[in-house]
């Protein structure tokens, strides 16, 4: 979950797959987290003004069947590019 704060005092919250995985780029694995944000603010007694109405339903975020870490892929490509650069340098 991450929360964005704007200069006009507005907050937006969403829950999504970690940026460590390629699936982070797919909006299918992201949803609004306004109900959770409201609950956190209430628990910690943070004053706020709500605009609009929260839906009276629960949300379920369906995780993908497989997560693909992108950092190892980038590391392998970078090492490969470096080795190619080294071999052409001679």
C-alpha atoms as a PDB file:
ATOM      1  CA  UNK A   1       0.000   0.000   0.000  1.00  0.00           C
ATOM      2  CA  UNK A   2       1.253   3.480  -0.726  1.00  0.00           C
ATOM      3  CA  UNK A   3      -0.274   6.847  -0.069  1.00  0.00           C
ATOM      4  CA  UNK A   4       0.256   9.968  -2.154  1.00  0.00           C
ATOM      5  CA  UNK A   5      -0.131  13.379  -0.572  1.00  0.00           C
ATOM      6  CA  UNK A   6      -0.836  16.445  -2.692  1.00  0.00           C
ATOM      7  CA  UNK A   7      -0.210  20.127  -1.970  1.00  0.00           C
ATOM      8  CA  UNK A   8      -3.952  20.763  -1.680  1.00  0.00           C
ATOM      9  CA  UNK A   9      -4.097  18.327   1.276  1.00  0.00           C
ATOM     10  CA  UNK A  10      -5.702  15.531  -0.717  1.00  0.00           C
ATOM     11  CA  UNK A  11      -4.585  11.931  -0.093  1.00  0.00           C
ATOM     12  CA  UNK A  12      -4.842   8.962  -2.445  1.00  0.00           C
ATOM     13  CA  UNK A  13      -4.042   5.385  -1.482  1.00  0.00           C
ATOM     14  CA  UNK A  14      -3.659   2.200  -3.464  1.00  0.00           C
ATOM     15  CA  UNK A  15      -2.515  -1.348  -2.946  1.00  0.00           C
ATOM     16  CA  UNK A  16      -0.404  -2.974  -5.619  1.00  0.00           C
ATOM     17  CA  UNK A  17       2.270  -5.550  -6.347  1.00  0.00           C
ATOM     18  CA  UNK A  18       5.757  -4.456  -5.267  1.00  0.00           C
ATOM     19  CA  UNK A  19       7.912  -2.573  -7.787  1.00  0.00           C
ATOM     20  CA  UNK A  20      10.366  -5.449  -7.495  1.00  0.00           C
ATOM     21  CA  UNK A  21       8.232  -7.438  -9.939  1.00  0.00           C
ATOM     22  CA  UNK A  22       7.346  -6.875 -13.590  1.00  0.00           C
ATOM     23  CA  UNK A  23       3.670  -7.453 -12.748  1.00  0.00           C
ATOM     24  CA  UNK A  24       3.785  -4.049 -10.994  1.00  0.00           C
ATOM     25  CA  UNK A  25       3.273  -2.533 -14.458  1.00  0.00           C
ATOM     26  CA  UNK A  26      -0.102  -4.292 -14.875  1.00  0.00           C
ATOM     27  CA  UNK A  27      -3.017  -2.276 -13.455  1.00  0.00           C
ATOM     28  CA  UNK A  28      -4.897  -5.551 -12.989  1.00  0.00           C
ATOM     29  CA  UNK A  29      -2.912  -6.044  -9.763  1.00  0.00           C
ATOM     30  CA  UNK A  30      -3.679  -2.607  -8.306  1.00  0.00           C
ATOM     31  CA  UNK A  31      -6.736  -1.303  -6.454  1.00  0.00           C
ATOM     32  CA  UNK A  32      -7.919   1.707  -4.504  1.00  0.00           C
ATOM     33  CA  UNK A  33      -7.118   1.548  -0.770  1.00  0.00           C
ATOM     34  CA  UNK A  34      -9.307   4.396   0.494  1.00  0.00           C
ATOM     35  CA  UNK A  35     -11.152   2.170   3.032  1.00  0.00           C
ATOM     36  CA  UNK A  36      -7.848   0.980   4.519  1.00  0.00           C
ATOM     37  CA  UNK A  37      -6.461   4.531   4.642  1.00  0.00           C
ATOM     38  CA  UNK A  38      -9.610   5.727   6.420  1.00  0.00           C
ATOM     39  CA  UNK A  39      -9.258   2.897   8.959  1.00  0.00           C
ATOM     40  CA  UNK A  40      -5.590   3.775   9.633  1.00  0.00           C
ATOM     41  CA  UNK A  41      -6.408   7.474  10.088  1.00  0.00           C
ATOM     42  CA  UNK A  42      -9.267   6.587  12.465  1.00  0.00           C
ATOM     43  CA  UNK A  43      -7.127   4.188  14.546  1.00  0.00           C
ATOM     44  CA  UNK A  44      -4.420   6.815  14.978  1.00  0.00           C
ATOM     45  CA  UNK A  45      -6.995   9.581  15.523  1.00  0.00           C
ATOM     46  CA  UNK A  46      -5.705  11.691  12.655  1.00  0.00           C
ATOM     47  CA  UNK A  47      -8.264  14.392  11.844  1.00  0.00           C
ATOM     48  CA  UNK A  48      -9.448  14.515   8.244  1.00  0.00           C
ATOM     49  CA  UNK A  49     -12.402  15.497   6.105  1.00  0.00           C
ATOM     50  CA  UNK A  50     -13.830  12.870   3.829  1.00  0.00           C
ATOM     51  CA  UNK A  51     -15.287  13.796   0.461  1.00  0.00           C
ATOM     52  CA  UNK A  52     -17.633  11.490  -1.311  1.00  0.00           C
ATOM     53  CA  UNK A  53     -18.919   8.181   0.010  1.00  0.00           C
ATOM     54  CA  UNK A  54     -16.964   5.017   0.542  1.00  0.00           C
ATOM     55  CA  UNK A  55     -18.613   1.976  -0.968  1.00  0.00           C
ATOM     56  CA  UNK A  56     -19.978  -0.523   1.539  1.00  0.00           C
ATOM     57  CA  UNK A  57     -18.167  -3.492   0.045  1.00  0.00           C
ATOM     58  CA  UNK A  58     -14.975  -5.395   0.635  1.00  0.00           C
ATOM     59  CA  UNK A  59     -12.260  -5.630  -1.972  1.00  0.00           C
ATOM     60  CA  UNK A  60     -10.038  -8.539  -2.788  1.00  0.00           C
ATOM     61  CA  UNK A  61      -6.849  -8.114  -4.764  1.00  0.00           C
ATOM     62  CA  UNK A  62      -6.148 -11.253  -6.747  1.00  0.00           C
ATOM     63  CA  UNK A  63      -2.380 -11.790  -6.838  1.00  0.00           C
ATOM     64  CA  UNK A  64      -0.772 -13.079 -10.029  1.00  0.00           C
ATOM     65  CA  UNK A  65       0.046 -16.773 -10.225  1.00  0.00           C
ATOM     66  CA  UNK A  66       3.736 -16.032 -10.673  1.00  0.00           C
ATOM     67  CA  UNK A  67       5.856 -13.008  -9.795  1.00  0.00           C
ATOM     68  CA  UNK A  68       8.812 -12.118 -12.011  1.00  0.00           C
ATOM     69  CA  UNK A  69      11.609 -10.215 -10.261  1.00  0.00           C
ATOM     70  CA  UNK A  70      13.045  -7.664 -12.695  1.00  0.00           C
ATOM     71  CA  UNK A  71      16.273  -6.698 -10.887  1.00  0.00           C
ATOM     72  CA  UNK A  72      18.103  -9.983 -11.691  1.00  0.00           C
ATOM     73  CA  UNK A  73      17.124  -9.602 -15.360  1.00  0.00           C
ATOM     74  CA  UNK A  74      18.558  -6.076 -15.449  1.00  0.00           C
ATOM     75  CA  UNK A  75      21.725  -7.265 -13.674  1.00  0.00           C
ATOM     76  CA  UNK A  76      22.263 -10.080 -16.191  1.00  0.00           C
ATOM     77  CA  UNK A  77      21.727  -7.724 -19.147  1.00  0.00           C
ATOM     78  CA  UNK A  78      24.094  -5.139 -17.627  1.00  0.00           C
ATOM     79  CA  UNK A  79      26.803  -7.748 -16.991  1.00  0.00           C
ATOM     80  CA  UNK A  80      26.369  -9.082 -20.535  1.00  0.00           C
ATOM     81  CA  UNK A  81      26.637  -5.583 -22.000  1.00  0.00           C
ATOM     82  CA  UNK A  82      29.731  -4.913 -19.892  1.00  0.00           C
ATOM     83  CA  UNK A  83      31.389  -8.151 -21.042  1.00  0.00           C
ATOM     84  CA  UNK A  84      30.618  -7.343 -24.688  1.00  0.00           C
ATOM     85  CA  UNK A  85      32.069  -3.856 -24.202  1.00  0.00           C
ATOM     86  CA  UNK A  86      35.207  -5.364 -22.619  1.00  0.00           C
ATOM     87  CA  UNK A  87      35.684  -7.845 -25.464  1.00  0.00           C
ATOM     88  CA  UNK A  88      35.409  -5.111 -28.131  1.00  0.00           C
ATOM     89  CA  UNK A  89      37.773  -2.805 -26.291  1.00  0.00           C
ATOM     90  CA  UNK A  90      40.835  -4.959 -27.048  1.00  0.00           C
END
